[in-house]
Amino acid sequence: MSISALIKAREHLKNNTTLHPVPTPPTSVTEFHALLDAMGENPIPRAEESLAQAKQYFTREHKACEFRMAFGSLSYDQRALILIASNIEPTRCIEPLGGFSVEERTAIVDGLKLLHQVTNRFERAIGNIKHITPSIIH
């Protein structure tokens, strides 16, 4: 997030000084019944609605959006490594995922799978990769 976006968000919060009351538990039976009546005006969603909302997180579009965000969050070096594994020119690491053709995006997925196989091979051979030191190969 850029600094200008943070400044705009801060100004927006300063200009909109609407305060919301902090909910407190009811102190009497009358308040409790009033709270129940108020909840009746805003019913809890039905199970079908909740399931439909949860299923949205498993759609192809949602996974594609998550993949684009994950790729966009990588550093240029990390993107270049994936592109090298995908047989794509690493200088294109500055492009967003949408800038690649369908064939290139398929190659990127294959490159990620190849990198995963390589790391799995080393993890099976020597354990957690995070604990590798250069002295292991000397």
N, C-alpha and C. Protein backbone atom coordinates (compact mmCIF):
# COMPACT_ATOMS: atom_id res chain seq x y z
N MET A 1 0.85 -1.16 0.00
CA MET A 1 0.00 0.00 0.00
C MET A 1 0.90 1.23 0.00
N SER A 2 0.55 2.18 -0.83
CA SER A 2 1.40 3.35 -0.96
C SER A 2 1.12 4.34 0.17
N ILE A 3 2.05 5.26 0.35
CA ILE A 3 1.92 6.26 1.41
C ILE A 3 0.75 7.18 1.12
N SER A 4 0.55 7.54 -0.14
CA SER A 4 -0.56 8.43 -0.47
C SER A 4 -1.90 7.78 -0.15
N ALA A 5 -2.00 6.46 -0.37
CA ALA A 5 -3.23 5.76 -0.04
C ALA A 5 -3.46 5.76 1.46
N LEU A 6 -2.40 5.60 2.24
CA LEU A 6 -2.53 5.64 3.69
C LEU A 6 -2.96 7.03 4.17
N ILE A 7 -2.39 8.06 3.55
CA ILE A 7 -2.75 9.44 3.93
C ILE A 7 -4.22 9.71 3.59
N LYS A 8 -4.68 9.25 2.42
CA LYS A 8 -6.08 9.43 2.04
C LYS A 8 -7.00 8.70 3.01
N ALA A 9 -6.61 7.48 3.39
CA ALA A 9 -7.43 6.71 4.32
C ALA A 9 -7.51 7.40 5.68
N ARG A 10 -6.40 7.96 6.13
CA ARG A 10 -6.38 8.67 7.40
C ARG A 10 -7.27 9.91 7.35
N GLU A 11 -7.21 10.66 6.25
CA GLU A 11 -8.06 11.84 6.09
C GLU A 11 -9.52 11.43 6.05
N HIS A 12 -9.82 10.33 5.39
CA HIS A 12 -11.20 9.85 5.33
C HIS A 12 -11.72 9.53 6.73
N LEU A 13 -10.87 8.89 7.54
CA LEU A 13 -11.28 8.57 8.91
C LEU A 13 -11.46 9.82 9.75
N LYS A 14 -10.61 10.82 9.53
CA LYS A 14 -10.75 12.07 10.28
C LYS A 14 -12.04 12.78 9.92
N ASN A 15 -12.41 12.76 8.65
CA ASN A 15 -13.61 13.47 8.19
C ASN A 15 -14.88 12.75 8.58
N ASN A 16 -14.85 11.46 8.72
CA ASN A 16 -16.02 10.67 9.09
C ASN A 16 -15.89 10.27 10.56
N THR A 17 -16.34 11.14 11.42
CA THR A 17 -16.17 10.91 12.86
C THR A 17 -17.43 10.33 13.48
N THR A 18 -18.10 9.43 12.77
CA THR A 18 -19.27 8.79 13.35
C THR A 18 -18.81 7.73 14.34
N LEU A 19 -19.32 7.82 15.54
CA LEU A 19 -18.95 6.87 16.58
C LEU A 19 -20.04 5.82 16.70
N HIS A 20 -19.64 4.61 16.88
CA HIS A 20 -20.57 3.51 17.07
C HIS A 20 -20.54 3.10 18.54
N PRO A 21 -21.69 2.92 19.16
CA PRO A 21 -21.69 2.55 20.58
C PRO A 21 -21.11 1.15 20.77
N VAL A 22 -20.42 0.98 21.85
CA VAL A 22 -19.85 -0.32 22.20
C VAL A 22 -20.97 -1.15 22.81
N PRO A 23 -21.23 -2.35 22.28
CA PRO A 23 -22.32 -3.15 22.82
C PRO A 23 -21.99 -3.63 24.24
N THR A 24 -22.97 -3.53 25.08
CA THR A 24 -22.83 -4.01 26.46
C THR A 24 -23.87 -5.09 26.70
N PRO A 25 -23.58 -6.04 27.56
CA PRO A 25 -24.57 -7.08 27.84
C PRO A 25 -25.78 -6.49 28.57
N PRO A 26 -26.94 -7.07 28.38
CA PRO A 26 -28.14 -6.54 29.05
C PRO A 26 -28.01 -6.68 30.57
N THR A 27 -28.52 -5.68 31.26
CA THR A 27 -28.43 -5.69 32.73
C THR A 27 -29.74 -6.10 33.38
N SER A 28 -30.81 -6.23 32.59
CA SER A 28 -32.09 -6.65 33.17
C SER A 28 -32.82 -7.55 32.18
N VAL A 29 -33.84 -8.18 32.66
CA VAL A 29 -34.64 -9.07 31.81
C VAL A 29 -35.33 -8.25 30.72
N THR A 30 -35.76 -7.05 31.04
CA THR A 30 -36.42 -6.19 30.07
C THR A 30 -35.47 -5.84 28.92
N GLU A 31 -34.22 -5.51 29.27
CA GLU A 31 -33.24 -5.21 28.22
C GLU A 31 -32.95 -6.45 27.38
N PHE A 32 -32.92 -7.61 28.02
CA PHE A 32 -32.67 -8.84 27.29
C PHE A 32 -33.78 -9.11 26.28
N HIS A 33 -35.04 -8.93 26.69
CA HIS A 33 -36.16 -9.13 25.77
C HIS A 33 -36.14 -8.09 24.64
N ALA A 34 -35.74 -6.87 24.95
CA ALA A 34 -35.63 -5.84 23.91
C ALA A 34 -34.54 -6.22 22.92
N LEU A 35 -33.44 -6.79 23.42
CA LEU A 35 -32.36 -7.23 22.55
C LEU A 35 -32.82 -8.36 21.64
N LEU A 36 -33.59 -9.32 22.20
CA LEU A 36 -34.12 -10.41 21.39
C LEU A 36 -35.08 -9.89 20.32
N ASP A 37 -35.91 -8.91 20.69
CA ASP A 37 -36.82 -8.32 19.71
C ASP A 37 -36.04 -7.63 18.59
N ALA A 38 -34.97 -6.95 18.94
CA ALA A 38 -34.15 -6.27 17.94
C ALA A 38 -33.47 -7.28 17.02
N MET A 39 -33.07 -8.42 17.57
CA MET A 39 -32.44 -9.45 16.75
C MET A 39 -33.43 -10.05 15.77
N GLY A 40 -34.71 -10.07 16.13
CA GLY A 40 -35.74 -10.58 15.24
C GLY A 40 -35.88 -9.75 13.98
N GLU A 41 -35.53 -8.46 14.08
CA GLU A 41 -35.59 -7.58 12.92
C GLU A 41 -34.45 -7.89 11.95
N ASN A 42 -33.32 -8.37 12.46
CA ASN A 42 -32.17 -8.75 11.64
C ASN A 42 -31.90 -10.24 11.86
N PRO A 43 -32.65 -11.10 11.17
CA PRO A 43 -32.50 -12.53 11.44
C PRO A 43 -31.14 -13.06 11.00
N ILE A 44 -30.73 -14.12 11.65
CA ILE A 44 -29.49 -14.81 11.30
C ILE A 44 -29.70 -15.49 9.94
N PRO A 45 -28.70 -15.44 9.05
CA PRO A 45 -28.90 -16.06 7.73
C PRO A 45 -29.15 -17.56 7.84
N ARG A 46 -29.96 -18.05 6.93
CA ARG A 46 -30.28 -19.47 6.92
C ARG A 46 -29.06 -20.27 6.50
N ALA A 47 -29.10 -21.56 6.78
CA ALA A 47 -27.98 -22.44 6.48
C ALA A 47 -27.67 -22.46 4.99
N GLU A 48 -28.73 -22.44 4.16
CA GLU A 48 -28.51 -22.47 2.71
C GLU A 48 -27.74 -21.23 2.26
N GLU A 49 -28.09 -20.08 2.84
CA GLU A 49 -27.41 -18.84 2.49
C GLU A 49 -25.95 -18.87 2.94
N SER A 50 -25.72 -19.39 4.14
CA SER A 50 -24.35 -19.47 4.65
C SER A 50 -23.52 -20.43 3.80
N LEU A 51 -24.10 -21.55 3.40
CA LEU A 51 -23.38 -22.51 2.57
C LEU A 51 -23.08 -21.92 1.20
N ALA A 52 -24.04 -21.20 0.64
CA ALA A 52 -23.80 -20.58 -0.67
C ALA A 52 -22.68 -19.55 -0.58
N GLN A 53 -22.65 -18.81 0.52
CA GLN A 53 -21.59 -17.82 0.70
C GLN A 53 -20.24 -18.52 0.88
N ALA A 54 -20.20 -19.62 1.61
CA ALA A 54 -18.95 -20.35 1.82
C ALA A 54 -18.46 -20.99 0.52
N LYS A 55 -19.39 -21.46 -0.31
CA LYS A 55 -19.00 -22.11 -1.56
C LYS A 55 -18.34 -21.13 -2.52
N GLN A 56 -18.60 -19.85 -2.36
CA GLN A 56 -17.98 -18.85 -3.22
C GLN A 56 -16.46 -18.87 -3.09
N TYR A 57 -15.95 -19.30 -1.94
CA TYR A 57 -14.51 -19.33 -1.73
C TYR A 57 -13.83 -20.49 -2.45
N PHE A 58 -14.62 -21.39 -3.02
CA PHE A 58 -14.05 -22.56 -3.69
C PHE A 58 -14.31 -22.55 -5.19
N THR A 59 -14.73 -21.42 -5.72
CA THR A 59 -14.98 -21.33 -7.15
C THR A 59 -13.66 -21.13 -7.90
N ARG A 60 -13.71 -21.38 -9.18
CA ARG A 60 -12.54 -21.21 -10.03
C ARG A 60 -12.11 -19.74 -10.06
N GLU A 61 -13.09 -18.84 -10.09
CA GLU A 61 -12.77 -17.42 -10.13
C GLU A 61 -12.05 -16.97 -8.86
N HIS A 62 -12.49 -17.48 -7.72
CA HIS A 62 -11.85 -17.10 -6.45
C HIS A 62 -10.41 -17.61 -6.41
N LYS A 63 -10.21 -18.86 -6.83
CA LYS A 63 -8.85 -19.41 -6.82
C LYS A 63 -7.96 -18.66 -7.81
N ALA A 64 -8.52 -18.27 -8.96
CA ALA A 64 -7.74 -17.50 -9.93
C ALA A 64 -7.35 -16.15 -9.35
N CYS A 65 -8.26 -15.53 -8.63
CA CYS A 65 -7.97 -14.24 -7.99
C CYS A 65 -6.89 -14.41 -6.93
N GLU A 66 -6.96 -15.45 -6.14
CA GLU A 66 -5.94 -15.72 -5.12
C GLU A 66 -4.59 -15.98 -5.77
N PHE A 67 -4.59 -16.70 -6.90
CA PHE A 67 -3.34 -16.99 -7.60
C PHE A 67 -2.72 -15.70 -8.12
N ARG A 68 -3.55 -14.82 -8.72
CA ARG A 68 -3.04 -13.54 -9.22
C ARG A 68 -2.47 -12.70 -8.10
N MET A 69 -3.16 -12.68 -6.95
CA MET A 69 -2.66 -11.89 -5.81
C MET A 69 -1.35 -12.47 -5.29
N ALA A 70 -1.25 -13.80 -5.23
CA ALA A 70 -0.01 -14.43 -4.75
C ALA A 70 1.14 -14.13 -5.70
N PHE A 71 0.89 -14.24 -7.00
CA PHE A 71 1.94 -13.96 -7.98
C PHE A 71 2.34 -12.49 -7.92
N GLY A 72 1.35 -11.61 -7.77
CA GLY A 72 1.64 -10.18 -7.69
C GLY A 72 2.40 -9.79 -6.44
N SER A 73 2.28 -10.58 -5.38
CA SER A 73 2.95 -10.25 -4.13
C SER A 73 4.41 -10.71 -4.10
N LEU A 74 4.83 -11.48 -5.09
CA LEU A 74 6.21 -11.97 -5.13
C LEU A 74 7.16 -10.86 -5.55
N SER A 75 8.40 -10.99 -5.12
CA SER A 75 9.43 -10.04 -5.57
C SER A 75 9.77 -10.35 -7.02
N TYR A 76 10.45 -9.42 -7.68
CA TYR A 76 10.85 -9.64 -9.07
C TYR A 76 11.78 -10.84 -9.20
N ASP A 77 12.66 -11.04 -8.22
CA ASP A 77 13.57 -12.20 -8.26
C ASP A 77 12.77 -13.51 -8.19
N GLN A 78 11.77 -13.55 -7.32
CA GLN A 78 10.96 -14.75 -7.19
C GLN A 78 10.15 -15.02 -8.46
N ARG A 79 9.59 -13.95 -9.02
CA ARG A 79 8.85 -14.11 -10.28
C ARG A 79 9.78 -14.60 -11.39
N ALA A 80 10.99 -14.02 -11.45
CA ALA A 80 11.94 -14.41 -12.49
C ALA A 80 12.30 -15.88 -12.35
N LEU A 81 12.46 -16.36 -11.13
CA LEU A 81 12.77 -17.77 -10.91
C LEU A 81 11.64 -18.67 -11.43
N ILE A 82 10.41 -18.28 -11.17
CA ILE A 82 9.27 -19.04 -11.68
C ILE A 82 9.25 -19.00 -13.21
N LEU A 83 9.54 -17.84 -13.78
CA LEU A 83 9.53 -17.72 -15.24
C LEU A 83 10.65 -18.55 -15.87
N ILE A 84 11.81 -18.61 -15.23
CA ILE A 84 12.90 -19.46 -15.73
C ILE A 84 12.47 -20.92 -15.71
N ALA A 85 11.84 -21.35 -14.62
CA ALA A 85 11.36 -22.73 -14.54
C ALA A 85 10.26 -23.00 -15.56
N SER A 86 9.60 -21.93 -16.02
CA SER A 86 8.52 -22.06 -16.99
C SER A 86 8.99 -21.90 -18.43
N ASN A 87 10.32 -21.72 -18.64
CA ASN A 87 10.89 -21.48 -19.96
C ASN A 87 10.34 -20.20 -20.59
N ILE A 88 10.16 -19.19 -19.76
CA ILE A 88 9.72 -17.87 -20.22
C ILE A 88 10.84 -16.90 -19.88
N GLU A 89 11.01 -15.91 -20.72
CA GLU A 89 12.08 -14.92 -20.53
C GLU A 89 11.94 -14.26 -19.15
N PRO A 90 12.97 -14.35 -18.28
CA PRO A 90 12.85 -13.81 -16.92
C PRO A 90 12.74 -12.29 -16.86
N THR A 91 13.08 -11.60 -17.95
CA THR A 91 12.94 -10.14 -17.93
C THR A 91 11.48 -9.70 -17.93
N ARG A 92 10.58 -10.62 -18.17
CA ARG A 92 9.15 -10.30 -18.16
C ARG A 92 8.57 -10.37 -16.75
N CYS A 93 9.43 -10.47 -15.75
CA CYS A 93 8.96 -10.59 -14.37
C CYS A 93 8.23 -9.33 -13.90
N ILE A 94 8.37 -8.24 -14.61
CA ILE A 94 7.69 -7.00 -14.20
C ILE A 94 6.24 -6.97 -14.67
N GLU A 95 5.85 -7.88 -15.53
CA GLU A 95 4.47 -7.92 -16.03
C GLU A 95 3.53 -8.54 -15.00
N PRO A 96 2.30 -8.06 -14.96
CA PRO A 96 1.32 -8.74 -14.11
C PRO A 96 0.91 -10.07 -14.76
N LEU A 97 0.28 -10.91 -14.01
CA LEU A 97 -0.09 -12.24 -14.53
C LEU A 97 -1.03 -12.12 -15.72
N GLY A 98 -1.86 -11.10 -15.75
CA GLY A 98 -2.78 -10.91 -16.86
C GLY A 98 -2.08 -10.57 -18.17
N GLY A 99 -0.82 -10.16 -18.12
CA GLY A 99 -0.07 -9.82 -19.31
C GLY A 99 0.46 -11.03 -20.07
N PHE A 100 0.30 -12.22 -19.50
CA PHE A 100 0.79 -13.44 -20.15
C PHE A 100 -0.35 -14.10 -20.91
N SER A 101 -0.02 -14.79 -21.98
CA SER A 101 -1.03 -15.51 -22.76
C SER A 101 -1.48 -16.76 -21.99
N VAL A 102 -2.51 -17.41 -22.50
CA VAL A 102 -3.03 -18.61 -21.85
C VAL A 102 -1.96 -19.69 -21.81
N GLU A 103 -1.20 -19.85 -22.90
CA GLU A 103 -0.15 -20.86 -22.95
C GLU A 103 0.95 -20.54 -21.93
N GLU A 104 1.28 -19.26 -21.81
CA GLU A 104 2.33 -18.86 -20.86
C GLU A 104 1.87 -19.07 -19.42
N ARG A 105 0.59 -18.79 -19.16
CA ARG A 105 0.07 -19.02 -17.80
C ARG A 105 0.08 -20.51 -17.47
N THR A 106 -0.22 -21.34 -18.45
CA THR A 106 -0.13 -22.79 -18.25
C THR A 106 1.31 -23.19 -17.97
N ALA A 107 2.25 -22.58 -18.68
CA ALA A 107 3.67 -22.87 -18.45
C ALA A 107 4.09 -22.40 -17.05
N ILE A 108 3.53 -21.29 -16.58
CA ILE A 108 3.85 -20.80 -15.23
C ILE A 108 3.39 -21.80 -14.18
N VAL A 109 2.20 -22.36 -14.37
CA VAL A 109 1.71 -23.38 -13.43
C VAL A 109 2.63 -24.60 -13.47
N ASP A 110 3.04 -25.01 -14.66
CA ASP A 110 3.96 -26.15 -14.79
C ASP A 110 5.31 -25.83 -14.14
N GLY A 111 5.78 -24.59 -14.29
CA GLY A 111 7.04 -24.18 -13.66
C GLY A 111 6.94 -24.23 -12.14
N LEU A 112 5.80 -23.80 -11.59
CA LEU A 112 5.60 -23.88 -10.14
C LEU A 112 5.61 -25.33 -9.67
N LYS A 113 4.99 -26.20 -10.44
CA LYS A 113 4.98 -27.62 -10.08
C LYS A 113 6.40 -28.19 -10.11
N LEU A 114 7.20 -27.77 -11.11
CA LEU A 114 8.58 -28.23 -11.20
C LEU A 114 9.39 -27.76 -9.98
N LEU A 115 9.23 -26.49 -9.60
CA LEU A 115 9.93 -25.98 -8.42
C LEU A 115 9.50 -26.73 -7.16
N HIS A 116 8.22 -27.06 -7.08
CA HIS A 116 7.72 -27.82 -5.93
C HIS A 116 8.36 -29.21 -5.87
N GLN A 117 8.51 -29.86 -7.02
CA GLN A 117 9.15 -31.18 -7.06
C GLN A 117 10.60 -31.09 -6.61
N VAL A 118 11.29 -30.05 -7.03
CA VAL A 118 12.70 -29.88 -6.64
C VAL A 118 12.82 -29.70 -5.14
N THR A 119 12.02 -28.81 -4.57
CA THR A 119 12.11 -28.57 -3.13
C THR A 119 11.70 -29.81 -2.34
N ASN A 120 10.70 -30.53 -2.83
CA ASN A 120 10.33 -31.78 -2.14
C ASN A 120 11.45 -32.79 -2.16
N ARG A 121 12.17 -32.88 -3.26
CA ARG A 121 13.28 -33.83 -3.36
C ARG A 121 14.34 -33.53 -2.32
N PHE A 122 14.69 -32.25 -2.16
CA PHE A 122 15.70 -31.88 -1.17
C PHE A 122 15.17 -32.05 0.25
N GLU A 123 13.92 -31.77 0.47
CA GLU A 123 13.37 -31.95 1.83
C GLU A 123 13.35 -33.41 2.22
N ARG A 124 13.06 -34.30 1.27
CA ARG A 124 13.10 -35.73 1.59
C ARG A 124 14.52 -36.20 1.85
N ALA A 125 15.49 -35.58 1.16
CA ALA A 125 16.87 -36.03 1.30
C ALA A 125 17.54 -35.50 2.57
N ILE A 126 17.33 -34.22 2.88
CA ILE A 126 18.09 -33.63 4.00
C ILE A 126 17.22 -32.96 5.06
N GLY A 127 15.91 -32.96 4.91
CA GLY A 127 15.05 -32.34 5.92
C GLY A 127 14.60 -30.96 5.51
N ASN A 128 14.20 -30.19 6.48
CA ASN A 128 13.65 -28.87 6.24
C ASN A 128 14.67 -27.96 5.56
N ILE A 129 14.27 -27.37 4.45
CA ILE A 129 15.17 -26.53 3.66
C ILE A 129 15.57 -25.28 4.42
N LYS A 130 14.74 -24.82 5.33
CA LYS A 130 15.06 -23.61 6.09
C LYS A 130 16.34 -23.77 6.91
N HIS A 131 16.70 -25.00 7.22
CA HIS A 131 17.85 -25.25 8.08
C HIS A 131 19.11 -25.61 7.31
N ILE A 132 19.09 -25.45 5.99
CA ILE A 132 20.28 -25.76 5.18
C ILE A 132 21.32 -24.67 5.37
N THR A 133 22.56 -25.11 5.54
CA THR A 133 23.69 -24.18 5.60
C THR A 133 24.66 -24.53 4.48
N PRO A 134 25.45 -23.56 4.03
CA PRO A 134 26.42 -23.86 2.97
C PRO A 134 27.41 -24.94 3.33
N SER A 135 27.65 -25.14 4.62
CA SER A 135 28.64 -26.14 5.04
C SER A 135 28.19 -27.56 4.70
N ILE A 136 26.92 -27.78 4.41
CA ILE A 136 26.43 -29.12 4.09
C ILE A 136 27.06 -29.62 2.80
N ILE A 137 27.27 -28.73 1.82
CA ILE A 137 27.76 -29.19 0.51
C ILE A 137 29.26 -29.07 0.38
N HIS A 138 29.99 -28.64 1.40
CA HIS A 138 31.45 -28.53 1.33
C HIS A 138 32.10 -29.77 1.89
